[in-house]
Protein backbone atom coordinates (compact mmCIF):
# COMPACT_ATOMS: atom_id res chain seq x y z
CA UNK A 1 0.02 -0.06 0.31
CA UNK A 2 1.50 2.90 -1.02
CA UNK A 3 2.16 6.27 0.63
CA UNK A 4 -1.54 8.68 -1.04
CA UNK A 5 -1.66 12.77 -0.22
CA UNK A 6 -4.40 14.56 -0.99
CA UNK A 7 -4.13 18.94 0.00
CA UNK A 8 -7.71 20.27 0.74
CA UNK A 9 -7.31 23.69 -0.70
CA UNK A 10 -8.75 26.54 0.96
CA UNK A 11 -5.74 29.24 1.17
CA UNK A 12 -4.45 29.94 4.53
CA UNK A 13 -6.64 27.13 5.71
CA UNK A 14 -4.91 24.35 3.67
CA UNK A 15 -4.53 20.92 4.83
CA UNK A 16 -2.93 17.62 3.43
CA UNK A 17 -4.76 14.39 4.32
CA UNK A 18 -1.89 11.43 4.61
CA UNK A 19 -3.27 8.05 3.72
CA UNK A 20 -0.59 5.46 4.41
CA UNK A 21 -0.12 2.25 6.30
CA UNK A 22 1.83 2.30 9.90
CA UNK A 23 1.96 5.73 9.67
CA UNK A 24 0.34 5.92 13.16
CA UNK A 25 4.15 5.49 14.40
CA UNK A 26 5.15 8.39 12.30
CA UNK A 27 3.01 10.73 13.17
CA UNK A 28 5.00 12.70 15.90
CA UNK A 29 7.88 13.66 13.33
CA UNK A 30 5.20 14.97 11.13
CA UNK A 31 4.18 17.10 13.74
CA UNK A 32 7.30 18.75 14.36
CA UNK A 33 7.59 19.54 10.96
CA UNK A 34 4.51 21.65 10.98
CA UNK A 35 5.00 22.99 14.82
CA UNK A 36 8.82 23.39 15.13
CA UNK A 37 8.92 25.02 18.20
CA UNK A 38 6.16 24.15 20.20
CA UNK A 39 6.60 21.13 22.82
CA UNK A 40 2.98 20.68 24.53
CA UNK A 41 0.11 18.66 23.31
CA UNK A 42 -3.02 17.37 24.24
CA UNK A 43 -4.00 13.30 23.01
CA UNK A 44 -8.04 13.25 22.99
CA UNK A 45 -9.33 9.41 22.56
CA UNK A 46 -12.25 7.70 23.60
CA UNK A 47 -12.33 4.35 26.57
CA UNK A 48 -12.13 1.63 23.65
CA UNK A 49 -9.82 3.26 21.26
CA UNK A 50 -7.05 4.65 23.42
CA UNK A 51 -6.05 1.01 25.10
CA UNK A 52 -5.55 -0.10 21.25
CA UNK A 53 -3.41 3.11 20.12
CA UNK A 54 -2.93 5.81 22.75
CA UNK A 55 0.36 4.10 23.76
CA UNK A 56 1.72 3.84 19.81
CA UNK A 57 1.00 7.62 19.29
CA UNK A 58 2.47 9.30 22.81
CA UNK A 59 5.22 7.12 22.30
CA UNK A 60 5.58 8.35 18.54
CA UNK A 61 5.48 11.59 19.77
CA UNK A 62 7.27 11.88 22.99
CA UNK A 63 9.94 10.50 20.80
CA UNK A 64 9.48 13.70 18.67
CA UNK A 65 10.05 16.03 21.81
CA UNK A 66 6.43 16.24 22.52
CA UNK A 67 5.00 16.21 26.18
CA UNK A 68 1.91 14.96 26.06
CA UNK A 69 -1.13 15.03 28.21
CA UNK A 70 -4.14 13.30 27.59
CA UNK A 71 -8.20 13.26 27.77
CA UNK A 72 -10.37 10.37 27.33
CA UNK A 73 -14.52 10.06 26.64
CA UNK A 74 -16.62 7.36 27.12
CA UNK A 75 -17.38 5.36 23.98
CA UNK A 76 -20.34 5.83 22.21
CA UNK A 77 -22.81 9.02 20.35
CA UNK A 78 -24.96 9.27 23.02
CA UNK A 79 -22.25 10.89 25.12
CA UNK A 80 -21.40 13.48 21.80
CA UNK A 81 -22.89 15.87 24.49
CA UNK A 82 -21.93 19.34 25.97
CA UNK A 83 -21.16 18.03 29.39
CA UNK A 84 -18.86 15.64 27.92
CA UNK A 85 -17.25 18.73 25.92
CA UNK A 86 -17.02 20.93 29.01
CA UNK A 87 -14.80 17.87 30.58
CA UNK A 88 -12.56 18.41 27.73
CA UNK A 89 -12.51 22.15 27.99
CA UNK A 90 -11.73 21.67 31.74
CA UNK A 91 -8.33 19.55 30.41
CA UNK A 92 -7.15 22.03 27.67
CA UNK A 93 -7.33 24.44 30.89
CA UNK A 94 -5.26 22.85 33.03
CA UNK A 95 -3.05 21.55 30.01
CA UNK A 96 -2.52 25.26 29.75
CA UNK A 97 -2.13 24.27 26.36
CA UNK A 98 -1.46 27.60 24.26
CA UNK A 99 -2.83 29.05 20.81
CA UNK A 100 0.30 27.81 18.54
CA UNK A 101 -0.23 24.04 20.80
CA UNK A 102 -1.80 21.10 19.02
CA UNK A 103 -4.49 19.13 19.88
CA UNK A 104 -5.11 15.59 18.03
CA UNK A 105 -8.21 13.58 17.83
CA UNK A 106 -7.74 10.24 18.01
CA UNK A 107 -10.58 8.07 17.35
CA UNK A 108 -14.06 8.21 15.26
CA UNK A 109 -16.39 10.77 14.20
CA UNK A 110 -17.24 11.22 18.07
CA UNK A 111 -13.77 12.24 19.15
CA UNK A 112 -13.02 14.05 15.82
CA UNK A 113 -15.98 16.15 16.27
CA UNK A 114 -15.83 16.53 20.19
CA UNK A 115 -12.05 17.26 19.73
CA UNK A 116 -12.28 19.60 17.15
CA UNK A 117 -15.32 22.17 18.52
CA UNK A 118 -13.24 22.40 21.54
CA UNK A 119 -10.19 23.18 19.61
CA UNK A 120 -12.44 25.67 17.93
CA UNK A 121 -13.55 27.63 21.01
CA UNK A 122 -10.22 27.62 23.20
CA UNK A 123 -8.63 30.54 23.49
CA UNK A 124 -10.50 31.23 20.26
CA UNK A 125 -8.65 28.82 18.57
CA UNK A 126 -6.22 27.00 18.37
CA UNK A 127 -4.48 24.01 15.98
CA UNK A 128 -5.66 20.23 16.23
CA UNK A 129 -4.84 17.39 13.98
CA UNK A 130 -7.25 14.13 13.15
CA UNK A 131 -5.98 10.93 13.14
CA UNK A 132 -9.44 9.02 12.62
CA UNK A 133 -9.42 5.32 13.21
CA UNK A 134 -12.85 4.19 11.86
CA UNK A 135 -14.02 3.79 8.22
CA UNK A 136 -16.61 6.15 8.28
CA UNK A 137 -14.42 9.05 10.29
CA UNK A 138 -11.37 8.05 7.38
CA UNK A 139 -13.75 8.60 4.72
CA UNK A 140 -15.99 11.65 5.85
CA UNK A 141 -16.17 13.52 9.46
CA UNK A 142 -12.20 13.98 9.65
CA UNK A 143 -12.43 15.97 6.49
CA UNK A 144 -13.92 18.83 6.07
CA UNK A 145 -14.08 20.62 9.16
CA UNK A 146 -17.76 20.23 10.51
CA UNK A 147 -17.30 19.95 14.53
CA UNK A 148 -20.50 20.06 16.59
CA UNK A 149 -21.62 18.25 19.86
CA UNK A 150 -25.17 17.26 19.80
CA UNK A 151 -28.09 18.53 22.00
CA UNK A 152 -31.87 16.57 22.92
CA UNK A 153 -33.35 18.52 20.44
CA UNK A 154 -30.96 17.63 17.58
CA UNK A 155 -27.79 16.36 16.22
CA UNK A 156 -24.58 18.52 15.55
CA UNK A 157 -26.95 21.02 16.55
CA UNK A 158 -24.02 22.89 18.15
CA UNK A 159 -20.98 23.37 16.57
CA UNK A 160 -18.20 25.32 14.19
CA UNK A 161 -17.19 25.09 10.74
CA UNK A 162 -13.33 24.76 11.48
CA UNK A 163 -10.69 23.01 9.61
CA UNK A 164 -8.33 20.53 11.02
CA UNK A 165 -4.06 21.44 10.17
CA UNK A 166 -3.87 17.42 8.68
CA UNK A 167 -5.83 14.50 8.43
CA UNK A 168 -3.38 11.35 9.31
CA UNK A 169 -4.74 8.20 7.79
CA UNK A 170 -3.38 4.69 8.80
CA UNK A 171 -5.76 2.13 7.06
CA UNK A 172 -4.09 -0.44 9.22
CA UNK A 173 -5.87 0.44 12.18
CA UNK A 174 -8.99 -0.83 10.35
CA UNK A 175 -7.98 -4.01 11.30
CA UNK A 176 -9.22 -3.56 14.83
CA UNK A 177 -12.71 -2.31 13.70
CA UNK A 178 -15.36 -4.38 14.45
CA UNK A 179 -17.48 -5.28 11.53
CA UNK A 180 -20.39 -3.62 12.52
CA UNK A 181 -18.46 -0.61 12.57
CA UNK A 182 -16.76 -1.00 9.22
CA UNK A 183 -20.11 -1.84 7.37
CA UNK A 184 -20.90 1.88 8.71
CA UNK A 185 -18.23 3.06 7.13
CA UNK A 186 -19.13 1.63 3.46
CA UNK A 187 -22.53 3.49 3.98
CA UNK A 188 -20.54 6.66 3.62
CA UNK A 189 -18.46 4.84 0.83
CA UNK A 190 -21.72 4.94 -1.07
CA UNK A 191 -23.00 7.95 -0.12
CA UNK A 192 -19.94 9.27 -2.47
CA UNK A 193 -21.64 7.23 -5.28
CA UNK A 194 -25.03 7.87 -5.08
CA UNK A 195 -24.09 11.96 -5.03
CA UNK A 196 -21.35 12.09 -7.71
CA UNK A 197 -20.02 9.22 -8.93
CA UNK A 198 -21.92 6.21 -10.82
CA UNK A 199 -18.19 4.41 -11.44
CA UNK A 200 -17.40 4.85 -7.65
CA UNK A 201 -20.86 3.26 -7.00
CA UNK A 202 -20.55 0.26 -9.88
CA UNK A 203 -16.83 -0.21 -8.56
CA UNK A 204 -18.09 -1.19 -4.76
CA UNK A 205 -20.28 -3.25 -6.35
CA UNK A 206 -17.67 -5.46 -7.16
CA UNK A 207 -15.13 -4.78 -4.59
CA UNK A 208 -17.45 -4.99 -1.07
CA UNK A 209 -16.46 -8.06 -0.39
CA UNK A 210 -12.74 -6.86 -0.87
CA UNK A 211 -13.91 -3.85 1.75
CA UNK A 212 -15.25 -6.67 4.24
CA UNK A 213 -12.46 -8.75 4.43
CA UNK A 214 -10.23 -5.49 4.60
CA UNK A 215 -7.98 -5.84 1.97
CA UNK A 216 -5.61 -3.61 1.97
CA UNK A 217 -5.16 -2.01 -1.84
CA UNK A 218 -9.05 -1.97 -1.69
CA UNK A 219 -9.18 -0.18 1.45
CA UNK A 220 -6.43 2.61 0.58
CA UNK A 221 -8.30 2.97 -3.29
CA UNK A 222 -11.83 3.51 -1.64
CA UNK A 223 -10.55 5.60 1.20
CA UNK A 224 -8.65 8.24 -1.41
CA UNK A 225 -11.40 8.40 -3.04
CA UNK A 226 -13.80 9.02 -0.54
CA UNK A 227 -11.48 11.38 0.55
CA UNK A 228 -11.31 13.33 -2.98
CA UNK A 229 -14.96 13.55 -3.36
CA UNK A 230 -15.46 15.31 0.04
CA UNK A 231 -12.34 17.83 0.12
CA UNK A 232 -13.26 18.57 -3.86
CA UNK A 233 -16.82 19.54 -2.17
CA UNK A 234 -15.80 21.19 0.45
CA UNK A 235 -13.37 22.95 -1.48
CA UNK A 236 -16.28 24.44 -3.72
CA UNK A 237 -18.86 25.49 -0.72
CA UNK A 238 -16.61 25.45 3.07
CA UNK A 239 -19.56 26.39 4.60
CA UNK A 240 -22.79 24.52 3.13
CA UNK A 241 -24.21 27.40 1.53
CA UNK A 242 -25.22 25.63 -1.92
CA UNK A 243 -23.57 22.32 -3.06
CA UNK A 244 -21.93 20.70 0.10
CA UNK A 245 -25.82 20.15 1.58
CA UNK A 246 -25.34 17.22 -1.24
CA UNK A 247 -22.87 15.63 1.16
CA UNK A 248 -26.10 15.17 3.53
CA UNK A 249 -28.01 12.45 1.25
CA UNK A 250 -29.49 9.75 4.15
CA UNK A 251 -28.89 12.50 6.52
CA UNK A 252 -32.01 14.34 6.95
CA UNK A 253 -34.16 11.23 7.61
CA UNK A 254 -30.61 9.04 9.81
CA UNK A 255 -30.39 12.00 11.84
CA UNK A 256 -33.97 11.89 13.06
CA UNK A 257 -33.51 8.19 13.56
CA UNK A 258 -30.51 8.59 16.01
CA UNK A 259 -32.63 11.50 17.46
CA UNK A 260 -36.21 9.38 18.21
CA UNK A 261 -33.71 6.44 19.34
CA UNK A 262 -31.42 8.15 21.73
CA UNK A 263 -28.49 8.42 19.54
CA UNK A 264 -28.48 4.04 21.37
CA UNK A 265 -30.00 1.75 18.37
CA UNK A 266 -27.59 2.71 15.00
CA UNK A 267 -24.22 3.88 14.10
CA UNK A 268 -24.60 7.23 12.38
CA UNK A 269 -23.51 5.50 9.28
CA UNK A 270 -26.18 2.77 9.72
CA UNK A 271 -28.82 5.24 10.24
CA UNK A 272 -27.72 7.41 6.97
CA UNK A 273 -28.08 3.89 5.28
CA UNK A 274 -31.41 3.69 6.32
CA UNK A 275 -31.90 7.59 5.57
CA UNK A 276 -31.04 7.38 1.81
CA UNK A 277 -33.38 4.16 1.22
CA UNK A 278 -36.36 6.72 2.45
CA UNK A 279 -34.65 9.62 0.47
CA UNK A 280 -34.58 7.38 -2.56
CA UNK A 281 -37.88 5.93 -2.13
CA UNK A 282 -39.18 9.24 -1.58
CA UNK A 283 -37.35 10.36 -5.09
CA UNK A 284 -39.21 7.81 -6.47
CA UNK A 285 -42.99 8.85 -5.26
CA UNK A 286 -42.23 12.53 -6.22
CA UNK A 287 -41.69 11.43 -10.01
CA UNK A 288 -37.67 12.85 -9.75
CA UNK A 289 -36.13 9.51 -9.93
CA UNK A 290 -36.19 6.65 -12.30
CA UNK A 291 -38.29 3.59 -11.33
CA UNK A 292 -35.91 0.80 -9.79
CA UNK A 293 -33.57 3.33 -7.88
CA UNK A 294 -34.36 2.21 -4.72
CA UNK A 295 -33.75 -1.36 -5.48
CA UNK A 296 -30.07 -0.97 -6.85
CA UNK A 297 -29.48 1.30 -3.80
CA UNK A 298 -30.91 -1.70 -1.28
CA UNK A 299 -29.32 -4.09 -3.59
CA UNK A 300 -25.44 -2.65 -2.52
CA UNK A 301 -26.56 -2.26 1.07
CA UNK A 302 -27.64 -5.90 1.35
CA UNK A 303 -24.27 -7.10 0.31
CA UNK A 304 -22.08 -4.75 2.66
CA UNK A 305 -24.33 -6.71 5.44
CA UNK A 306 -26.19 -3.19 5.89
CA UNK A 307 -29.65 -3.34 7.98
CA UNK A 308 -32.53 -2.13 5.66
CA UNK A 309 -35.38 -2.20 7.67
CA UNK A 310 -36.95 1.46 8.55
CA UNK A 311 -37.70 1.64 12.06
CA UNK A 312 -41.28 2.03 12.71
CA UNK A 313 -42.45 6.02 14.11
CA UNK A 314 -45.40 8.14 13.11
CA UNK A 315 -45.44 10.06 10.51
CA UNK A 316 -45.94 13.33 13.40
CA UNK A 317 -42.83 11.74 14.76
CA UNK A 318 -40.53 11.84 12.15
CA UNK A 319 -41.64 15.19 10.63
CA UNK A 320 -40.64 16.83 14.16
CA UNK A 321 -37.55 14.99 14.39
CA UNK A 322 -36.42 16.49 10.89
CA UNK A 323 -38.14 19.70 12.01
CA UNK A 324 -34.82 20.42 14.09
CA UNK A 325 -32.70 19.26 11.45
CA UNK A 326 -29.61 22.34 11.52
CA UNK A 327 -29.75 22.07 7.74
CA UNK A 328 -33.58 23.24 7.46
CA UNK A 329 -34.24 27.24 5.70
CA UNK A 330 -36.55 28.64 8.13
CA UNK A 331 -39.27 26.46 8.75
CA UNK A 332 -38.73 24.39 5.91
CA UNK A 333 -36.98 20.95 5.89
CA UNK A 334 -34.52 20.66 3.48
CA UNK A 335 -33.86 16.96 1.45
CA UNK A 336 -31.47 16.15 -0.43
CA UNK A 337 -33.15 13.44 -3.24
CA UNK A 338 -31.67 11.46 -6.19
CA UNK A 339 -32.66 11.37 -10.01
CA UNK A 340 -30.53 8.69 -10.04
CA UNK A 341 -27.46 7.14 -9.70
CA UNK A 342 -24.77 10.12 -9.11
CA UNK A 343 -27.74 12.86 -9.53
CA UNK A 344 -28.34 14.19 -6.26
CA UNK A 345 -30.27 17.68 -5.80
CA UNK A 346 -31.56 19.67 -2.92
CA UNK A 347 -35.83 20.05 -2.46
CA UNK A 348 -36.63 22.40 -0.43
CA UNK A 349 -40.24 22.49 -1.24
CA UNK A 350 -41.62 18.62 0.13
CA UNK A 351 -44.73 19.01 1.52
CA UNK A 352 -45.69 17.18 4.93
CA UNK A 353 -48.01 15.16 2.95
CA UNK A 354 -45.34 12.99 0.89
CA UNK A 355 -43.77 12.30 4.14
CA UNK A 356 -46.58 11.08 5.53
CA UNK A 357 -47.59 8.83 2.31
CA UNK A 358 -43.51 8.16 2.95
CA UNK A 359 -44.15 6.50 6.16
CA UNK A 360 -47.15 4.57 5.59
CA UNK A 361 -45.55 2.76 2.51
CA UNK A 362 -42.44 1.19 5.26
CA UNK A 363 -45.47 0.87 7.92
CA UNK A 364 -46.58 -2.91 8.04
């Protein structure tokens, strides 16, 4: 597996995405290049990832002359709260990290989001580094600068756009990833094919088994191409004023699923897959999409081993949960729909009657 680099070009906020097998052990030397005169950093992880990889990262940092403090979160989306974010802020205060010293997120999307949000607020902004350890974080949440915590009324409702200084991806860490987490990450990979790359969608049809078996070259190809897609969209629309919203395919319904189940029943990628199924059916029911779109997407999800059973809630519950989505425009719920594979668009004029009909179509 050869090293791959991609630069997210955002002028003064530009940064590299570095993808390389075993690069976890070189993070200290890389940060020494980026921060030549700094001596302290804070390593943030969770109680599942830290026993696997924190020692390696800390040793790499210490060998490069860094003094390392640590902060650990409990593991799980339900802990992505202001309370646990505040505990990280307390650690930052106690460590006395300066405005020019980095904070490092070692973990999945929850760790990355909360660390990035803390970095954006502490001393009005300090550098942070993404070292994602789940497939979903490697191909999606670590790139693009969206940072946030959840609120009882909605997912990621409190946060900021704040870009990392570096995304450092070691695909070998996926060897310890639970199959359930791997499949959730594959759901985010599929998203890129659905919104903008038919060829990548068809490639995934052929290579799903290779991904599930953790074939190194297959994973490296998929990670690089997903990061490239994410970066291209972010470079065109950093703060989601237009086309970046397409990356939210499946998320309006998916975030509602997570919220209605109190972030305890579904991984983010699992919820997004279910939300995408709903978006595909809605696209067909409204006459936007070619007939058979939902069936084609379902086929790939089944190959990936993803759950495709939509949870049962009333239409009123769905509409209320989606009404709190941060992507809405005024009182209008914003949906990402599809015309075909690789052809997604933003819809802001879907009425509630259409949602009632959609929910009814999944009942029973």
